[in-house]
Amino acid sequence: MLSSNNPQGSQFQLFRLSGERRELPRVKIEIGGRFMLEDRSEHGGTATDASIKALGIRSDANVRIGERVVGYFDTIGRIEGNIERLTQEGFVVELATTLRKRDKLAAQLIWLANRDQLGLPEDRRHDRIVPRDPRIMVRNLSNALAPTIAGHVIDISLSGARVSVPGEFQKGDDLMLGTTPARVVRAFDGGVAVEFRAPVPEKMFSPAIRL
């Protein structure tokens, strides 16, 4: 349901969700994540728009209509569903969700939809950006036997980043993200949060950044 309320007199609309009608328009987003296809191959991607029923993903992965996809995207969380259609930049997944997950996703999308209208900061991520090309090669310098593996940058701040990457990591591990040295400050299911050895120069801090 849409509602308009502005004490200054200018017009804007806020998104709300009623108990009778669990619908809201597709929300434009830019959220990094990672997904797995039916052949067990893993790929990085960026969620570009979402509703409680479908998620648009930008990726160069070779996919087919009807293929099952399981993934994780920051803010949204775990997603699962089948590819509904292909687009010029990737594909759209028809989401398979429980009622509880759908309500949680609806609340997240409402917040995202209203954020720009109200000028809200992005919570603790207000100083973070999503790189235009999130692909990254990750090398664990603390483990001489660990191979260099492909990862996916979720988001970046001036002092660190969150990276979706398979493998075992421990707090304190020294990593090389592309050409950027970093240290693991937290390992989570499917990735790591790292602190750069030196802050990113502000003039480089834009969606075009490459670590």
C-alpha atoms as a PDB file:
ATOM      1  CA  MET A   1       0.000   0.000   0.000  1.00  0.00           C
ATOM      2  CA  LEU A   2       1.285   3.449  -0.806  1.00  0.00           C
ATOM      3  CA  SER A   3       0.934   6.370   1.552  1.00  0.00           C
ATOM      4  CA  SER A   4       1.855  10.042   1.167  1.00  0.00           C
ATOM      5  CA  ASN A   5       2.743  12.143   4.194  1.00  0.00           C
ATOM      6  CA  ASN A   6       5.000  15.189   4.086  1.00  0.00           C
ATOM      7  CA  PRO A   7       4.738  18.054   6.559  1.00  0.00           C
ATOM      8  CA  GLN A   8       6.682  20.333   4.213  1.00  0.00           C
ATOM      9  CA  GLY A   9       4.039  20.085   1.507  1.00  0.00           C
ATOM     10  CA  SER A  10       6.200  18.493  -1.217  1.00  0.00           C
ATOM     11  CA  GLN A  11       4.994  15.190  -2.601  1.00  0.00           C
ATOM     12  CA  PHE A  12       6.672  11.831  -2.003  1.00  0.00           C
ATOM     13  CA  GLN A  13       5.383   8.332  -1.379  1.00  0.00           C
ATOM     14  CA  LEU A  14       6.272   5.854   1.300  1.00  0.00           C
ATOM     15  CA  PHE A  15       5.883   2.130   0.839  1.00  0.00           C
ATOM     16  CA  ARG A  16       3.952   0.246   3.492  1.00  0.00           C
ATOM     17  CA  LEU A  17       2.812  -3.352   3.729  1.00  0.00           C
ATOM     18  CA  SER A  18      -0.712  -4.148   4.892  1.00  0.00           C
ATOM     19  CA  GLY A  19      -1.779  -7.454   6.341  1.00  0.00           C
ATOM     20  CA  GLU A  20      -4.360  -7.881   3.591  1.00  0.00           C
ATOM     21  CA  ARG A  21      -2.090  -7.232   0.621  1.00  0.00           C
ATOM     22  CA  ARG A  22       1.463  -8.534   0.864  1.00  0.00           C
ATOM     23  CA  GLU A  23       2.679  -6.835  -2.300  1.00  0.00           C
ATOM     24  CA  LEU A  24       5.053  -4.013  -3.135  1.00  0.00           C
ATOM     25  CA  PRO A  25       6.680  -2.823  -6.357  1.00  0.00           C
ATOM     26  CA  ARG A  26      10.096  -4.042  -7.472  1.00  0.00           C
ATOM     27  CA  VAL A  27      12.843  -2.172  -5.669  1.00  0.00           C
ATOM     28  CA  LYS A  28      16.043  -1.079  -7.425  1.00  0.00           C
ATOM     29  CA  ILE A  29      19.078  -2.210  -5.419  1.00  0.00           C
ATOM     30  CA  GLU A  30      22.803  -2.810  -5.838  1.00  0.00           C
ATOM     31  CA  ILE A  31      23.778  -5.645  -3.504  1.00  0.00           C
ATOM     32  CA  GLY A  32      26.647  -8.067  -3.948  1.00  0.00           C
ATOM     33  CA  GLY A  33      26.436 -11.776  -3.310  1.00  0.00           C
ATOM     34  CA  ARG A  34      27.230 -15.266  -4.502  1.00  0.00           C
ATOM     35  CA  PHE A  35      25.127 -18.116  -5.897  1.00  0.00           C
ATOM     36  CA  MET A  36      25.405 -21.773  -6.866  1.00  0.00           C
ATOM     37  CA  LEU A  37      23.883 -23.438  -9.923  1.00  0.00           C
ATOM     38  CA  GLU A  38      22.629 -26.997 -10.344  1.00  0.00           C
ATOM     39  CA  ASP A  39      26.062 -28.214 -11.519  1.00  0.00           C
ATOM     40  CA  ARG A  40      27.472 -27.051  -8.136  1.00  0.00           C
ATOM     41  CA  SER A  41      29.470 -24.258  -9.787  1.00  0.00           C
ATOM     42  CA  GLU A  42      29.685 -21.028  -7.754  1.00  0.00           C
ATOM     43  CA  HIS A  43      29.468 -17.531  -9.219  1.00  0.00           C
ATOM     44  CA  GLY A  44      29.490 -13.948  -8.044  1.00  0.00           C
ATOM     45  CA  GLY A  45      26.668 -11.587  -8.928  1.00  0.00           C
ATOM     46  CA  THR A  46      24.912  -8.370  -8.017  1.00  0.00           C
ATOM     47  CA  ALA A  47      21.222  -8.179  -7.126  1.00  0.00           C
ATOM     48  CA  THR A  48      19.855  -5.255  -9.124  1.00  0.00           C
ATOM     49  CA  ASP A  49      16.139  -5.302  -8.313  1.00  0.00           C
ATOM     50  CA  ALA A  50      13.867  -7.319  -6.084  1.00  0.00           C
ATOM     51  CA  SER A  51      10.329  -8.015  -5.013  1.00  0.00           C
ATOM     52  CA  ILE A  52       8.987 -10.584  -2.575  1.00  0.00           C
ATOM     53  CA  LYS A  53       8.497 -12.884  -5.572  1.00  0.00           C
ATOM     54  CA  ALA A  54      11.579 -12.400  -7.750  1.00  0.00           C
ATOM     55  CA  LEU A  55      15.179 -11.226  -7.749  1.00  0.00           C
ATOM     56  CA  GLY A  56      17.079  -9.758 -10.698  1.00  0.00           C
ATOM     57  CA  ILE A  57      20.767 -10.685 -10.765  1.00  0.00           C
ATOM     58  CA  ARG A  58      23.574  -9.193 -12.862  1.00  0.00           C
ATOM     59  CA  SER A  59      26.112 -11.888 -13.696  1.00  0.00           C
ATOM     60  CA  ASP A  60      28.067 -13.302 -16.621  1.00  0.00           C
ATOM     61  CA  ALA A  61      27.363 -16.890 -15.516  1.00  0.00           C
ATOM     62  CA  ASN A  62      26.065 -19.258 -18.199  1.00  0.00           C
ATOM     63  CA  VAL A  63      22.553 -20.171 -17.014  1.00  0.00           C
ATOM     64  CA  ARG A  64      19.331 -21.566 -18.454  1.00  0.00           C
ATOM     65  CA  ILE A  65      15.653 -20.915 -17.842  1.00  0.00           C
ATOM     66  CA  GLY A  66      14.252 -23.230 -15.175  1.00  0.00           C
ATOM     67  CA  GLU A  67      17.628 -23.882 -13.552  1.00  0.00           C
ATOM     68  CA  ARG A  68      17.686 -24.039  -9.750  1.00  0.00           C
ATOM     69  CA  VAL A  69      19.698 -21.327  -7.994  1.00  0.00           C
ATOM     70  CA  VAL A  70      20.764 -21.108  -4.344  1.00  0.00           C
ATOM     71  CA  GLY A  71      22.629 -18.022  -3.154  1.00  0.00           C
ATOM     72  CA  TYR A  72      23.379 -15.451  -0.509  1.00  0.00           C
ATOM     73  CA  PHE A  73      23.106 -11.685  -0.927  1.00  0.00           C
ATOM     74  CA  ASP A  74      23.994  -9.110   1.699  1.00  0.00           C
ATOM     75  CA  THR A  75      20.935  -7.547   3.444  1.00  0.00           C
ATOM     76  CA  ILE A  76      18.598  -9.996   1.674  1.00  0.00           C
ATOM     77  CA  GLY A  77      20.224 -13.169   2.989  1.00  0.00           C
ATOM     78  CA  ARG A  78      19.805 -16.667   1.560  1.00  0.00           C
ATOM     79  CA  ILE A  79      17.757 -17.007  -1.610  1.00  0.00           C
ATOM     80  CA  GLU A  80      16.507 -20.041  -3.495  1.00  0.00           C
ATOM     81  CA  GLY A  81      14.441 -20.426  -6.628  1.00  0.00           C
ATOM     82  CA  ASN A  82      14.340 -21.143 -10.342  1.00  0.00           C
ATOM     83  CA  ILE A  83      15.478 -18.919 -13.184  1.00  0.00           C
ATOM     84  CA  GLU A  84      12.340 -17.388 -14.630  1.00  0.00           C
ATOM     85  CA  ARG A  85      13.863 -15.485 -17.558  1.00  0.00           C
ATOM     86  CA  LEU A  86      17.129 -14.206 -18.971  1.00  0.00           C
ATOM     87  CA  THR A  87      18.005 -10.510 -19.274  1.00  0.00           C
ATOM     88  CA  GLN A  88      20.698  -8.548 -21.090  1.00  0.00           C
ATOM     89  CA  GLU A  89      22.802  -8.327 -17.937  1.00  0.00           C
ATOM     90  CA  GLY A  90      21.934 -11.628 -16.281  1.00  0.00           C
ATOM     91  CA  PHE A  91      18.717 -13.308 -15.197  1.00  0.00           C
ATOM     92  CA  VAL A  92      15.666 -13.183 -12.911  1.00  0.00           C
ATOM     93  CA  VAL A  93      15.039 -15.795 -10.213  1.00  0.00           C
ATOM     94  CA  GLU A  94      11.500 -16.661  -9.154  1.00  0.00           C
ATOM     95  CA  LEU A  95      11.937 -16.976  -5.395  1.00  0.00           C
ATOM     96  CA  ALA A  96      10.768 -19.972  -3.398  1.00  0.00           C
ATOM     97  CA  THR A  97      10.034 -18.577   0.070  1.00  0.00           C
ATOM     98  CA  THR A  98       8.218 -19.512   3.225  1.00  0.00           C
ATOM     99  CA  LEU A  99       5.671 -17.075   4.656  1.00  0.00           C
ATOM    100  CA  ARG A 100       8.133 -16.103   7.391  1.00  0.00           C
ATOM    101  CA  LYS A 101      10.931 -15.472   4.881  1.00  0.00           C
ATOM    102  CA  ARG A 102       8.555 -13.525   2.633  1.00  0.00           C
ATOM    103  CA  ASP A 103       7.526 -11.231   5.498  1.00  0.00           C
ATOM    104  CA  LYS A 104      11.172 -10.663   6.435  1.00  0.00           C
ATOM    105  CA  LEU A 105      12.086  -9.928   2.820  1.00  0.00           C
ATOM    106  CA  ALA A 106       9.123  -7.568   2.476  1.00  0.00           C
ATOM    107  CA  ALA A 107      10.302  -5.580   5.513  1.00  0.00           C
ATOM    108  CA  GLN A 108      13.820  -5.336   4.077  1.00  0.00           C
ATOM    109  CA  LEU A 109      12.544  -4.185   0.688  1.00  0.00           C
ATOM    110  CA  ILE A 110      10.210  -1.615   2.258  1.00  0.00           C
ATOM    111  CA  TRP A 111      13.179  -0.125   4.101  1.00  0.00           C
ATOM    112  CA  LEU A 112      15.243  -0.048   0.920  1.00  0.00           C
ATOM    113  CA  ALA A 113      12.385   1.505  -1.053  1.00  0.00           C
ATOM    114  CA  ASN A 114      11.837   4.239   1.537  1.00  0.00           C
ATOM    115  CA  ARG A 115      15.505   4.962   2.204  1.00  0.00           C
ATOM    116  CA  ASP A 116      16.061   7.300  -0.730  1.00  0.00           C
ATOM    117  CA  GLN A 117      12.727   9.059  -0.210  1.00  0.00           C
ATOM    118  CA  LEU A 118      13.543   9.849   3.415  1.00  0.00           C
ATOM    119  CA  GLY A 119      17.266  10.410   2.999  1.00  0.00           C
ATOM    120  CA  LEU A 120      18.057   7.655   5.487  1.00  0.00           C
ATOM    121  CA  PRO A 121      21.656   6.588   6.017  1.00  0.00           C
ATOM    122  CA  GLU A 122      22.457   2.974   5.161  1.00  0.00           C
ATOM    123  CA  ASP A 123      22.770   2.011   8.840  1.00  0.00           C
ATOM    124  CA  ARG A 124      26.327   0.834   9.614  1.00  0.00           C
ATOM    125  CA  ARG A 125      27.051   0.595   5.896  1.00  0.00           C
ATOM    126  CA  HIS A 126      26.616   4.310   5.179  1.00  0.00           C
ATOM    127  CA  ASP A 127      30.320   4.543   4.304  1.00  0.00           C
ATOM    128  CA  ARG A 128      30.301   1.432   2.116  1.00  0.00           C
ATOM    129  CA  ILE A 129      29.992   1.029  -1.632  1.00  0.00           C
ATOM    130  CA  VAL A 130      29.294  -1.913  -3.937  1.00  0.00           C
ATOM    131  CA  PRO A 131      31.951  -2.134  -6.666  1.00  0.00           C
ATOM    132  CA  ARG A 132      30.771  -2.171 -10.247  1.00  0.00           C
ATOM    133  CA  ASP A 133      32.904  -5.255 -10.896  1.00  0.00           C
ATOM    134  CA  PRO A 134      32.862  -7.276  -7.649  1.00  0.00           C
ATOM    135  CA  ARG A 135      35.010 -10.176  -8.877  1.00  0.00           C
ATOM    136  CA  ILE A 136      38.212 -10.692  -6.876  1.00  0.00           C
ATOM    137  CA  MET A 137      40.961 -13.300  -6.515  1.00  0.00           C
ATOM    138  CA  VAL A 138      41.703 -14.218  -2.892  1.00  0.00           C
ATOM    139  CA  ARG A 139      44.956 -15.712  -1.602  1.00  0.00           C
ATOM    140  CA  ASN A 140      45.416 -16.779   2.026  1.00  0.00           C
ATOM    141  CA  LEU A 141      48.981 -15.769   2.857  1.00  0.00           C
ATOM    142  CA  SER A 142      48.721 -17.473   6.262  1.00  0.00           C
ATOM    143  CA  ASN A 143      48.279 -20.890   4.647  1.00  0.00           C
ATOM    144  CA  ALA A 144      51.017 -21.785   2.171  1.00  0.00           C
ATOM    145  CA  LEU A 145      48.974 -24.743   0.896  1.00  0.00           C
ATOM    146  CA  ALA A 146      45.790 -22.756   0.227  1.00  0.00           C
ATOM    147  CA  PRO A 147      45.098 -22.120  -3.471  1.00  0.00           C
ATOM    148  CA  THR A 148      44.185 -18.744  -4.909  1.00  0.00           C
ATOM    149  CA  ILE A 149      40.403 -18.772  -5.282  1.00  0.00           C
ATOM    150  CA  ALA A 150      37.773 -16.603  -6.930  1.00  0.00           C
ATOM    151  CA  GLY A 151      35.654 -14.477  -4.621  1.00  0.00           C
ATOM    152  CA  HIS A 152      33.067 -11.736  -4.842  1.00  0.00           C
ATOM    153  CA  VAL A 153      33.257  -8.397  -3.046  1.00  0.00           C
ATOM    154  CA  ILE A 154      30.023  -7.727  -1.161  1.00  0.00           C
ATOM    155  CA  ASP A 155      30.918  -4.153  -0.258  1.00  0.00           C
ATOM    156  CA  ILE A 156      33.906  -1.929   0.525  1.00  0.00           C
ATOM    157  CA  SER A 157      34.658   0.843   3.003  1.00  0.00           C
ATOM    158  CA  LEU A 158      37.778   2.999   3.202  1.00  0.00           C
ATOM    159  CA  SER A 159      39.213   0.637   5.816  1.00  0.00           C
ATOM    160  CA  GLY A 160      37.970  -2.806   4.841  1.00  0.00           C
ATOM    161  CA  ALA A 161      35.614  -5.033   2.890  1.00  0.00           C
ATOM    162  CA  ARG A 162      33.303  -7.989   3.087  1.00  0.00           C
ATOM    163  CA  VAL A 163      34.003 -10.757   0.611  1.00  0.00           C
ATOM    164  CA  SER A 164      31.956 -13.791  -0.354  1.00  0.00           C
ATOM    165  CA  VAL A 165      34.483 -16.580  -0.847  1.00  0.00           C
ATOM    166  CA  PRO A 166      34.522 -20.361  -0.284  1.00  0.00           C
ATOM    167  CA  GLY A 167      37.051 -21.998   1.989  1.00  0.00           C
ATOM    168  CA  GLU A 168      38.185 -22.033   5.612  1.00  0.00           C
ATOM    169  CA  PHE A 169      39.467 -18.783   7.131  1.00  0.00           C
ATOM    170  CA  GLN A 170      40.387 -17.770  10.656  1.00  0.00           C
ATOM    171  CA  LYS A 171      40.383 -14.413  12.395  1.00  0.00           C
ATOM    172  CA  GLY A 172      43.844 -12.897  11.936  1.00  0.00           C
ATOM    173  CA  ASP A 173      44.635 -14.618   8.612  1.00  0.00           C
ATOM    174  CA  ASP A 174      46.613 -12.451   6.209  1.00  0.00           C
ATOM    175  CA  LEU A 175      44.990 -12.263   2.779  1.00  0.00           C
ATOM    176  CA  MET A 176      45.749 -10.767  -0.586  1.00  0.00           C
ATOM    177  CA  LEU A 177      42.572  -9.454  -2.225  1.00  0.00           C
ATOM    178  CA  GLY A 178      43.610  -8.878  -5.812  1.00  0.00           C
ATOM    179  CA  THR A 179      46.646  -6.679  -5.132  1.00  0.00           C
ATOM    180  CA  THR A 180      45.431  -5.370  -1.762  1.00  0.00           C
ATOM    181  CA  PRO A 181      46.823  -6.858   1.481  1.00  0.00           C
ATOM    182  CA  ALA A 182      44.254  -7.335   4.247  1.00  0.00           C
ATOM    183  CA  ARG A 183      43.634  -9.161   7.533  1.00  0.00           C
ATOM    184  CA  VAL A 184      40.571 -11.230   8.451  1.00  0.00           C
ATOM    185  CA  VAL A 185      38.645  -9.648  11.330  1.00  0.00           C
ATOM    186  CA  ARG A 186      35.641 -11.955  11.092  1.00  0.00           C
ATOM    187  CA  ALA A 187      34.797 -15.166   9.257  1.00  0.00           C
ATOM    188  CA  PHE A 188      31.158 -15.916   8.515  1.00  0.00           C
ATOM    189  CA  ASP A 189      29.243 -18.574   6.625  1.00  0.00           C
ATOM    190  CA  GLY A 190      30.277 -18.060   3.018  1.00  0.00           C
ATOM    191  CA  GLY A 191      32.898 -15.377   3.408  1.00  0.00           C
ATOM    192  CA  VAL A 192      35.038 -13.014   5.460  1.00  0.00           C
ATOM    193  CA  ALA A 193      35.161  -9.439   6.697  1.00  0.00           C
ATOM    194  CA  VAL A 194      38.642  -7.937   6.341  1.00  0.00           C
ATOM    195  CA  GLU A 195      40.577  -4.864   7.368  1.00  0.00           C
ATOM    196  CA  PHE A 196      42.971  -3.394   4.816  1.00  0.00           C
ATOM    197  CA  ARG A 197      46.605  -3.004   5.823  1.00  0.00           C
ATOM    198  CA  ALA A 198      46.352   0.591   4.585  1.00  0.00           C
ATOM    199  CA  PRO A 199      43.167   2.648   4.017  1.00  0.00           C
ATOM    200  CA  VAL A 200      41.841   3.068   0.488  1.00  0.00           C
ATOM    201  CA  PRO A 201      42.707   6.550  -0.874  1.00  0.00           C
ATOM    202  CA  GLU A 202      39.531   8.639  -0.993  1.00  0.00           C
ATOM    203  CA  LYS A 203      40.114   9.548  -4.641  1.00  0.00           C
ATOM    204  CA  MET A 204      39.843   5.819  -5.493  1.00  0.00           C
ATOM    205  CA  PHE A 205      36.705   5.271  -3.399  1.00  0.00           C
ATOM    206  CA  SER A 206      33.993   4.881  -6.027  1.00  0.00           C
ATOM    207  CA  PRO A 207      31.985   2.035  -7.643  1.00  0.00           C
ATOM    208  CA  ALA A 208      34.806   1.775 -10.224  1.00  0.00           C
ATOM    209  CA  ILE A 209      37.294   0.658  -7.544  1.00  0.00           C
ATOM    210  CA  ARG A 210      39.382  -2.466  -8.158  1.00  0.00           C
ATOM    211  CA  LEU A 211      41.287  -3.926  -5.240  1.00  0.00           C
END
